[in-house]
C-alpha atoms as a PDB file:
ATOM      1  CA  MET A   1     -24.162 -13.096  -9.111  1.00  0.00           C
ATOM      2  CA  THR A   2     -21.126 -15.531  -9.964  1.00  0.00           C
ATOM      3  CA  GLU A   3     -18.228 -16.113  -7.853  1.00  0.00           C
ATOM      4  CA  THR A   4     -15.919 -14.665 -10.146  1.00  0.00           C
ATOM      5  CA  THR A   5     -18.268 -11.419 -10.110  1.00  0.00           C
ATOM      6  CA  LYS A   6     -17.757 -11.205  -6.351  1.00  0.00           C
ATOM      7  CA  ASN A   7     -14.464 -11.678  -6.471  1.00  0.00           C
ATOM      8  CA  PRO A   8     -12.808 -10.227  -9.542  1.00  0.00           C
ATOM      9  CA  LEU A   9      -9.130 -10.598 -10.545  1.00  0.00           C
ATOM     10  CA  THR A  10      -6.959  -7.689  -9.235  1.00  0.00           C
ATOM     11  CA  PRO A  11      -3.630  -6.449 -10.419  1.00  0.00           C
ATOM     12  CA  VAL A  12      -1.113  -5.590  -7.430  1.00  0.00           C
ATOM     13  CA  LEU A  13       1.298  -3.099  -8.438  1.00  0.00           C
ATOM     14  CA  ARG A  14       4.963  -3.225  -6.863  1.00  0.00           C
ATOM     15  CA  ILE A  15       8.037  -1.358  -7.682  1.00  0.00           C
ATOM     16  CA  THR A  16      11.207  -2.497  -7.202  1.00  0.00           C
ATOM     17  CA  PHE A  17      14.124  -0.113  -7.053  1.00  0.00           C
ATOM     18  CA  PRO A  18      17.460  -0.969  -8.420  1.00  0.00           C
ATOM     19  CA  ASP A  19      18.979  -1.654  -4.749  1.00  0.00           C
ATOM     20  CA  ASP A  20      16.135  -3.937  -4.126  1.00  0.00           C
ATOM     21  CA  ASP A  21      13.872  -1.534  -2.225  1.00  0.00           C
ATOM     22  CA  ARG A  22      10.127  -1.985  -3.068  1.00  0.00           C
ATOM     23  CA  LEU A  23       7.292   0.088  -2.663  1.00  0.00           C
ATOM     24  CA  GLY A  24       3.917  -1.877  -3.246  1.00  0.00           C
ATOM     25  CA  HIS A  25       0.038  -1.667  -1.288  1.00  0.00           C
ATOM     26  CA  GLY A  26       1.356  -2.454   1.996  1.00  0.00           C
ATOM     27  CA  LYS A  27       3.645   0.699   2.265  1.00  0.00           C
ATOM     28  CA  MET A  28       0.683   2.696   0.924  1.00  0.00           C
ATOM     29  CA  GLU A  29      -1.839   1.526   3.071  1.00  0.00           C
ATOM     30  CA  LEU A  30       0.311   2.146   6.067  1.00  0.00           C
ATOM     31  CA  LEU A  31       0.876   5.818   4.816  1.00  0.00           C
ATOM     32  CA  GLU A  32      -2.881   6.317   4.614  1.00  0.00           C
ATOM     33  CA  HIS A  33      -3.403   5.182   8.245  1.00  0.00           C
ATOM     34  CA  ILE A  34      -0.700   7.318   9.436  1.00  0.00           C
ATOM     35  CA  ARG A  35      -2.718  10.151   7.326  1.00  0.00           C
ATOM     36  CA  GLU A  36      -5.774   8.974   9.289  1.00  0.00           C
ATOM     37  CA  THR A  37      -4.503   8.753  12.716  1.00  0.00           C
ATOM     38  CA  GLY A  38      -1.519  11.044  12.799  1.00  0.00           C
ATOM     39  CA  SER A  39       0.379   8.228  14.718  1.00  0.00           C
ATOM     40  CA  ILE A  40       2.869   5.229  13.507  1.00  0.00           C
ATOM     41  CA  SER A  41       1.826   3.124  16.178  1.00  0.00           C
ATOM     42  CA  ALA A  42      -2.049   3.678  15.420  1.00  0.00           C
ATOM     43  CA  ALA A  43      -1.059   3.012  11.864  1.00  0.00           C
ATOM     44  CA  GLY A  44       0.464  -0.159  12.753  1.00  0.00           C
ATOM     45  CA  ARG A  45      -1.960  -1.619  14.698  1.00  0.00           C
ATOM     46  CA  ALA A  46      -4.726  -0.666  12.363  1.00  0.00           C
ATOM     47  CA  MET A  47      -2.831  -3.227  10.012  1.00  0.00           C
ATOM     48  CA  ASP A  48      -2.136  -5.637  12.910  1.00  0.00           C
ATOM     49  CA  MET A  49       1.744  -4.833  12.423  1.00  0.00           C
ATOM     50  CA  SER A  50       4.147  -4.183  15.404  1.00  0.00           C
ATOM     51  CA  TYR A  51       5.081  -0.375  15.863  1.00  0.00           C
ATOM     52  CA  ARG A  52       8.559  -1.357  15.327  1.00  0.00           C
ATOM     53  CA  ARG A  53       7.516  -2.962  11.779  1.00  0.00           C
ATOM     54  CA  ALA A  54       5.678   0.121  10.897  1.00  0.00           C
ATOM     55  CA  TRP A  55       8.569   2.313  12.333  1.00  0.00           C
ATOM     56  CA  MET A  56      10.973   0.288   9.932  1.00  0.00           C
ATOM     57  CA  LEU A  57       8.815   0.439   7.061  1.00  0.00           C
ATOM     58  CA  VAL A  58       8.450   4.638   7.613  1.00  0.00           C
ATOM     59  CA  ALA A  59      12.101   4.689   7.902  1.00  0.00           C
ATOM     60  CA  GLU A  60      12.952   2.540   4.824  1.00  0.00           C
ATOM     61  CA  MET A  61      10.642   5.114   2.733  1.00  0.00           C
ATOM     62  CA  ASN A  62      12.280   8.047   4.121  1.00  0.00           C
ATOM     63  CA  ARG A  63      15.646   6.516   3.095  1.00  0.00           C
ATOM     64  CA  MET A  64      14.515   5.603  -0.504  1.00  0.00           C
ATOM     65  CA  PHE A  65      13.660   9.308  -1.246  1.00  0.00           C
ATOM     66  CA  LYS A  66      15.401  12.477  -1.574  1.00  0.00           C
ATOM     67  CA  ALA A  67      12.713  14.245   0.341  1.00  0.00           C
ATOM     68  CA  GLN A  68      11.150  12.802   3.354  1.00  0.00           C
ATOM     69  CA  VAL A  69       7.771  10.774   3.339  1.00  0.00           C
ATOM     70  CA  VAL A  70       6.746  11.279   6.966  1.00  0.00           C
ATOM     71  CA  GLU A  71       7.954  13.450   9.777  1.00  0.00           C
ATOM     72  CA  SER A  72       7.469  12.324  13.070  1.00  0.00           C
ATOM     73  CA  GLN A  73       7.678  14.054  16.570  1.00  0.00           C
ATOM     74  CA  ARG A  74       9.045  11.964  19.784  1.00  0.00           C
ATOM     75  CA  GLY A  75       6.751  11.479  22.917  1.00  0.00           C
ATOM     76  CA  GLY A  76       6.630  14.171  25.340  1.00  0.00           C
ATOM     77  CA  GLN A  77       3.864  16.222  27.083  1.00  0.00           C
ATOM     78  CA  LYS A  78       1.583  16.397  24.193  1.00  0.00           C
ATOM     79  CA  GLY A  79       2.730  13.128  23.076  1.00  0.00           C
ATOM     80  CA  GLY A  80       4.199  12.209  19.575  1.00  0.00           C
ATOM     81  CA  GLY A  81       2.898  12.412  16.185  1.00  0.00           C
ATOM     82  CA  ALA A  82       3.449  11.612  12.547  1.00  0.00           C
ATOM     83  CA  VAL A  83       2.444  13.450   9.577  1.00  0.00           C
ATOM     84  CA  LEU A  84       2.608  13.083   5.929  1.00  0.00           C
ATOM     85  CA  THR A  85       5.092  15.222   4.296  1.00  0.00           C
ATOM     86  CA  PRO A  86       3.631  17.246   1.146  1.00  0.00           C
ATOM     87  CA  PHE A  87       6.050  14.823  -0.956  1.00  0.00           C
ATOM     88  CA  GLY A  88       4.537  11.875   1.305  1.00  0.00           C
ATOM     89  CA  GLU A  89       1.285  12.985  -0.038  1.00  0.00           C
ATOM     90  CA  GLU A  90       2.238  13.536  -3.632  1.00  0.00           C
ATOM     91  CA  LEU A  91       3.943   9.847  -3.480  1.00  0.00           C
ATOM     92  CA  LEU A  92       0.539   8.489  -2.059  1.00  0.00           C
ATOM     93  CA  ALA A  93      -1.308   9.987  -4.758  1.00  0.00           C
ATOM     94  CA  ARG A  94       0.592   9.038  -7.787  1.00  0.00           C
ATOM     95  CA  PHE A  95       1.360   5.463  -6.501  1.00  0.00           C
ATOM     96  CA  ARG A  96      -2.833   5.155  -6.075  1.00  0.00           C
ATOM     97  CA  GLY A  97      -3.030   6.772  -9.601  1.00  0.00           C
ATOM     98  CA  MET A  98      -0.506   4.292 -10.920  1.00  0.00           C
ATOM     99  CA  GLU A  99      -2.589   1.243  -9.722  1.00  0.00           C
ATOM    100  CA  LYS A 100      -5.623   2.926 -11.562  1.00  0.00           C
ATOM    101  CA  THR A 101      -3.428   3.278 -14.602  1.00  0.00           C
ATOM    102  CA  VAL A 102      -2.880  -0.491 -14.553  1.00  0.00           C
ATOM    103  CA  ARG A 103      -6.159  -1.844 -14.048  1.00  0.00           C
ATOM    104  CA  ALA A 104      -8.074   0.391 -16.628  1.00  0.00           C
ATOM    105  CA  SER A 105      -4.910  -0.664 -18.684  1.00  0.00           C
ATOM    106  CA  LEU A 106      -5.485  -4.598 -18.015  1.00  0.00           C
ATOM    107  CA  ALA A 107      -9.217  -4.354 -17.734  1.00  0.00           C
ATOM    108  CA  ASP A 108      -9.868  -6.151 -20.927  1.00  0.00           C
ATOM    109  CA  ASP A 109      -7.472  -9.147 -20.365  1.00  0.00           C
ATOM    110  CA  LEU A 110      -8.550  -9.247 -16.631  1.00  0.00           C
ATOM    111  CA  ALA A 111     -11.945  -9.725 -18.121  1.00  0.00           C
ATOM    112  CA  TRP A 112     -11.118 -12.234 -20.421  1.00  0.00           C
ATOM    113  CA  LEU A 113      -9.239 -14.217 -17.676  1.00  0.00           C
ATOM    114  CA  GLN A 114     -12.146 -13.769 -15.623  1.00  0.00           C
ATOM    115  CA  ALA A 115     -14.310 -15.021 -17.918  1.00  0.00           C
ATOM    116  CA  ASN A 116     -11.832 -18.112 -18.511  1.00  0.00           C
ATOM    117  CA  CYS A 117     -11.308 -19.041 -14.885  1.00  0.00           C
ATOM    118  CA  ASN A 118     -12.090 -22.641 -13.786  1.00  0.00           C
ATOM    119  CA  LEU A 119     -14.043 -22.422 -10.368  1.00  0.00           C
ATOM    120  CA  GLN A 120     -13.842 -25.882 -10.209  1.00  0.00           C
ATOM    121  CA  HIS A 121      -9.937 -26.135 -10.145  1.00  0.00           C
ATOM    122  CA  GLU A 122      -9.841 -26.645  -6.463  1.00  0.00           C
ATOM    123  CA  SER A 123     -11.895 -30.150  -6.871  1.00  0.00           C
ATOM    124  CA  ARG A 124      -9.347 -31.357  -9.821  1.00  0.00           C
ATOM    125  CA  GLY A 125      -7.043 -34.205  -8.042  1.00  0.00           C
END
């Protein structure tokens, strides 16, 4: 197996909104971790991110859309928690679908780029 086969080229989808808000793979990964853990802090830890940073990203996503993306409850006797709303689930599914569409649409061009990558480029002076 060649080095380029092991590490194929990967397009990265990032959507920039008119007010410079951005939606990309990092926020989607955070949503996936929130869904898995039921916790913003645990999701942040899974990504080596502080709770504050994770909370700020969730707040940003909730502000970006008409509908809430994540609902959270403050800690208490039973502890806090967080869940994706139905809109959040759809946002995540649609974004992952857009990523698949981008990869499929660019597959031939990426294969051409991959075939023409110079594996020795780091050794050039």
